[in-house]
Amino acid sequence: MTFSDALTAVRRWLWDEGVFSQAFEDVEMKKLPPPVREFLLSRLAMAA
């Protein structure tokens, strides 16, 4: 595991636990299919 991989893992966790956990309380966000959610998490974690 490289330092970049570790940063990506931490960012993904922060997006998942911080942003998405709050956003998924909304009805609209609950309709988001799991594959789309995983795609968004992976792209957002790499982008930062």
PDB file of N, CA and C in Angstrom:
ATOM      1  N   MET A   1       0.848  -1.163   0.000  1.00  0.00           N
ATOM      2  CA  MET A   1       0.000   0.000   0.000  1.00  0.00           C
ATOM      3  C   MET A   1       0.900   1.235   0.000  1.00  0.00           C
ATOM      4  N   THR A   2       0.600   2.155  -0.879  1.00  0.00           N
ATOM      5  CA  THR A   2       1.363   3.394  -0.943  1.00  0.00           C
ATOM      6  C   THR A   2       0.674   4.468  -0.108  1.00  0.00           C
ATOM      7  N   PHE A   3       1.376   5.554   0.092  1.00  0.00           N
ATOM      8  CA  PHE A   3       0.806   6.673   0.832  1.00  0.00           C
ATOM      9  C   PHE A   3      -0.427   7.219   0.114  1.00  0.00           C
ATOM     10  N   SER A   4      -0.375   7.259  -1.196  1.00  0.00           N
ATOM     11  CA  SER A   4      -1.513   7.718  -1.992  1.00  0.00           C
ATOM     12  C   SER A   4      -2.731   6.808  -1.795  1.00  0.00           C
ATOM     13  N   ASP A   5      -2.504   5.513  -1.739  1.00  0.00           N
ATOM     14  CA  ASP A   5      -3.595   4.565  -1.492  1.00  0.00           C
ATOM     15  C   ASP A   5      -4.211   4.778  -0.112  1.00  0.00           C
ATOM     16  N   ALA A   6      -3.364   5.044   0.861  1.00  0.00           N
ATOM     17  CA  ALA A   6      -3.849   5.288   2.222  1.00  0.00           C
ATOM     18  C   ALA A   6      -4.698   6.558   2.266  1.00  0.00           C
ATOM     19  N   LEU A   7      -4.247   7.601   1.599  1.00  0.00           N
ATOM     20  CA  LEU A   7      -5.030   8.846   1.550  1.00  0.00           C
ATOM     21  C   LEU A   7      -6.376   8.625   0.865  1.00  0.00           C
ATOM     22  N   THR A   8      -6.369   7.869  -0.209  1.00  0.00           N
ATOM     23  CA  THR A   8      -7.619   7.577  -0.914  1.00  0.00           C
ATOM     24  C   THR A   8      -8.579   6.799  -0.016  1.00  0.00           C
ATOM     25  N   ALA A   9      -8.064   5.844   0.744  1.00  0.00           N
ATOM     26  CA  ALA A   9      -8.911   5.064   1.650  1.00  0.00           C
ATOM     27  C   ALA A   9      -9.514   5.948   2.734  1.00  0.00           C
ATOM     28  N   VAL A  10      -8.727   6.860   3.268  1.00  0.00           N
ATOM     29  CA  VAL A  10      -9.236   7.776   4.300  1.00  0.00           C
ATOM     30  C   VAL A  10     -10.275   8.716   3.705  1.00  0.00           C
ATOM     31  N   ARG A  11     -10.001   9.246   2.527  1.00  0.00           N
ATOM     32  CA  ARG A  11     -10.985  10.135   1.876  1.00  0.00           C
ATOM     33  C   ARG A  11     -12.293   9.407   1.605  1.00  0.00           C
ATOM     34  N   ARG A  12     -12.191   8.162   1.139  1.00  0.00           N
ATOM     35  CA  ARG A  12     -13.406   7.381   0.860  1.00  0.00           C
ATOM     36  C   ARG A  12     -14.210   7.179   2.138  1.00  0.00           C
ATOM     37  N   TRP A  13     -13.514   6.856   3.226  1.00  0.00           N
ATOM     38  CA  TRP A  13     -14.192   6.668   4.502  1.00  0.00           C
ATOM     39  C   TRP A  13     -14.864   7.964   4.949  1.00  0.00           C
ATOM     40  N   LEU A  14     -14.172   9.094   4.795  1.00  0.00           N
ATOM     41  CA  LEU A  14     -14.747  10.384   5.188  1.00  0.00           C
ATOM     42  C   LEU A  14     -15.983  10.724   4.359  1.00  0.00           C
ATOM     43  N   TRP A  15     -15.911  10.485   3.048  1.00  0.00           N
ATOM     44  CA  TRP A  15     -17.077  10.734   2.203  1.00  0.00           C
ATOM     45  C   TRP A  15     -18.235   9.828   2.608  1.00  0.00           C
ATOM     46  N   ASP A  16     -17.952   8.562   2.846  1.00  0.00           N
ATOM     47  CA  ASP A  16     -18.994   7.594   3.173  1.00  0.00           C
ATOM     48  C   ASP A  16     -19.629   7.888   4.528  1.00  0.00           C
ATOM     49  N   GLU A  17     -18.804   8.090   5.547  1.00  0.00           N
ATOM     50  CA  GLU A  17     -19.315   8.301   6.898  1.00  0.00           C
ATOM     51  C   GLU A  17     -19.811   9.721   7.136  1.00  0.00           C
ATOM     52  N   GLY A  18     -19.169  10.687   6.528  1.00  0.00           N
ATOM     53  CA  GLY A  18     -19.530  12.072   6.784  1.00  0.00           C
ATOM     54  C   GLY A  18     -20.632  12.593   5.885  1.00  0.00           C
ATOM     55  N   VAL A  19     -20.366  12.581   4.597  1.00  0.00           N
ATOM     56  CA  VAL A  19     -21.284  13.208   3.639  1.00  0.00           C
ATOM     57  C   VAL A  19     -22.440  12.283   3.278  1.00  0.00           C
ATOM     58  N   PHE A  20     -22.120  11.068   2.819  1.00  0.00           N
ATOM     59  CA  PHE A  20     -23.177  10.182   2.350  1.00  0.00           C
ATOM     60  C   PHE A  20     -24.093   9.708   3.470  1.00  0.00           C
ATOM     61  N   SER A  21     -23.569   9.517   4.662  1.00  0.00           N
ATOM     62  CA  SER A  21     -24.433   9.052   5.751  1.00  0.00           C
ATOM     63  C   SER A  21     -25.482  10.104   6.094  1.00  0.00           C
ATOM     64  N   GLN A  22     -25.130  11.368   5.994  1.00  0.00           N
ATOM     65  CA  GLN A  22     -26.096  12.441   6.246  1.00  0.00           C
ATOM     66  C   GLN A  22     -27.037  12.607   5.057  1.00  0.00           C
ATOM     67  N   ALA A  23     -26.498  12.492   3.856  1.00  0.00           N
ATOM     68  CA  ALA A  23     -27.313  12.681   2.654  1.00  0.00           C
ATOM     69  C   ALA A  23     -28.305  11.546   2.456  1.00  0.00           C
ATOM     70  N   PHE A  24     -27.971  10.341   2.908  1.00  0.00           N
ATOM     71  CA  PHE A  24     -28.864   9.206   2.693  1.00  0.00           C
ATOM     72  C   PHE A  24     -30.055   9.209   3.637  1.00  0.00           C
ATOM     73  N   GLU A  25     -30.152  10.212   4.476  1.00  0.00           N
ATOM     74  CA  GLU A  25     -31.365  10.366   5.266  1.00  0.00           C
ATOM     75  C   GLU A  25     -32.494  10.918   4.402  1.00  0.00           C
ATOM     76  N   ASP A  26     -32.147  11.548   3.283  1.00  0.00           N
ATOM     77  CA  ASP A  26     -33.146  12.088   2.358  1.00  0.00           C
ATOM     78  C   ASP A  26     -33.732  10.961   1.516  1.00  0.00           C
ATOM     79  N   VAL A  27     -34.999  11.100   1.166  1.00  0.00           N
ATOM     80  CA  VAL A  27     -35.686  10.077   0.373  1.00  0.00           C
ATOM     81  C   VAL A  27     -35.057   9.934  -1.005  1.00  0.00           C
ATOM     82  N   GLU A  28     -34.654  11.047  -1.605  1.00  0.00           N
ATOM     83  CA  GLU A  28     -34.083  11.001  -2.949  1.00  0.00           C
ATOM     84  C   GLU A  28     -32.771  10.224  -2.972  1.00  0.00           C
ATOM     85  N   MET A  29     -31.955  10.403  -1.963  1.00  0.00           N
ATOM     86  CA  MET A  29     -30.670   9.720  -1.918  1.00  0.00           C
ATOM     87  C   MET A  29     -30.829   8.228  -1.673  1.00  0.00           C
ATOM     88  N   LYS A  30     -31.893   7.816  -1.019  1.00  0.00           N
ATOM     89  CA  LYS A  30     -32.120   6.392  -0.782  1.00  0.00           C
ATOM     90  C   LYS A  30     -32.439   5.658  -2.073  1.00  0.00           C
ATOM     91  N   LYS A  31     -32.891   6.390  -3.095  1.00  0.00           N
ATOM     92  CA  LYS A  31     -33.216   5.782  -4.380  1.00  0.00           C
ATOM     93  C   LYS A  31     -31.975   5.521  -5.225  1.00  0.00           C
ATOM     94  N   LEU A  32     -30.830   6.032  -4.801  1.00  0.00           N
ATOM     95  CA  LEU A  32     -29.585   5.862  -5.542  1.00  0.00           C
ATOM     96  C   LEU A  32     -29.144   4.400  -5.485  1.00  0.00           C
ATOM     97  N   PRO A  33     -28.986   3.760  -6.645  1.00  0.00           N
ATOM     98  CA  PRO A  33     -28.581   2.349  -6.648  1.00  0.00           C
ATOM     99  C   PRO A  33     -27.178   2.175  -6.048  1.00  0.00           C
ATOM    100  N   PRO A  34     -26.946   1.076  -5.335  1.00  0.00           N
ATOM    101  CA  PRO A  34     -25.634   0.834  -4.720  1.00  0.00           C
ATOM    102  C   PRO A  34     -24.444   0.923  -5.684  1.00  0.00           C
ATOM    103  N   PRO A  35     -24.550   0.422  -6.936  1.00  0.00           N
ATOM    104  CA  PRO A  35     -23.394   0.561  -7.837  1.00  0.00           C
ATOM    105  C   PRO A  35     -23.055   2.031  -8.145  1.00  0.00           C
ATOM    106  N   VAL A  36     -24.070   2.859  -8.244  1.00  0.00           N
ATOM    107  CA  VAL A  36     -23.838   4.276  -8.501  1.00  0.00           C
ATOM    108  C   VAL A  36     -23.190   4.924  -7.276  1.00  0.00           C
ATOM    109  N   ARG A  37     -23.649   4.548  -6.106  1.00  0.00           N
ATOM    110  CA  ARG A  37     -23.070   5.074  -4.866  1.00  0.00           C
ATOM    111  C   ARG A  37     -21.595   4.692  -4.760  1.00  0.00           C
ATOM    112  N   GLU A  38     -21.276   3.436  -5.067  1.00  0.00           N
ATOM    113  CA  GLU A  38     -19.881   2.977  -5.024  1.00  0.00           C
ATOM    114  C   GLU A  38     -19.027   3.714  -6.053  1.00  0.00           C
ATOM    115  N   PHE A  39     -19.578   3.944  -7.238  1.00  0.00           N
ATOM    116  CA  PHE A  39     -18.857   4.683  -8.272  1.00  0.00           C
ATOM    117  C   PHE A  39     -18.550   6.101  -7.797  1.00  0.00           C
ATOM    118  N   LEU A  40     -19.540   6.773  -7.227  1.00  0.00           N
ATOM    119  CA  LEU A  40     -19.336   8.122  -6.723  1.00  0.00           C
ATOM    120  C   LEU A  40     -18.302   8.156  -5.617  1.00  0.00           C
ATOM    121  N   LEU A  41     -18.372   7.212  -4.688  1.00  0.00           N
ATOM    122  CA  LEU A  41     -17.402   7.158  -3.598  1.00  0.00           C
ATOM    123  C   LEU A  41     -15.984   6.966  -4.127  1.00  0.00           C
ATOM    124  N   SER A  42     -15.815   6.084  -5.071  1.00  0.00           N
ATOM    125  CA  SER A  42     -14.468   5.821  -5.583  1.00  0.00           C
ATOM    126  C   SER A  42     -13.916   7.030  -6.325  1.00  0.00           C
ATOM    127  N   ARG A  43     -14.750   7.721  -7.094  1.00  0.00           N
ATOM    128  CA  ARG A  43     -14.282   8.890  -7.847  1.00  0.00           C
ATOM    129  C   ARG A  43     -14.028  10.093  -6.926  1.00  0.00           C
ATOM    130  N   LEU A  44     -14.884  10.302  -5.955  1.00  0.00           N
ATOM    131  CA  LEU A  44     -14.688  11.422  -5.032  1.00  0.00           C
ATOM    132  C   LEU A  44     -13.458  11.227  -4.173  1.00  0.00           C
ATOM    133  N   ALA A  45     -13.176  10.013  -3.783  1.00  0.00           N
ATOM    134  CA  ALA A  45     -12.012   9.732  -2.943  1.00  0.00           C
ATOM    135  C   ALA A  45     -10.715   9.975  -3.711  1.00  0.00           C
ATOM    136  N   MET A  46     -10.699   9.677  -4.975  1.00  0.00           N
ATOM    137  CA  MET A  46      -9.498   9.880  -5.779  1.00  0.00           C
ATOM    138  C   MET A  46      -9.308  11.346  -6.162  1.00  0.00           C
ATOM    139  N   ALA A  47     -10.395  12.083  -6.280  1.00  0.00           N
ATOM    140  CA  ALA A  47     -10.329  13.449  -6.793  1.00  0.00           C
ATOM    141  C   ALA A  47      -9.720  14.445  -5.819  1.00  0.00           C
ATOM    142  N   ALA A  48      -9.861  14.211  -4.551  1.00  0.00           N
ATOM    143  CA  ALA A  48      -9.420  15.214  -3.579  1.00  0.00           C
ATOM    144  C   ALA A  48      -7.924  15.296  -3.446  1.00  0.00           C
TER     145      ALA A  48
END
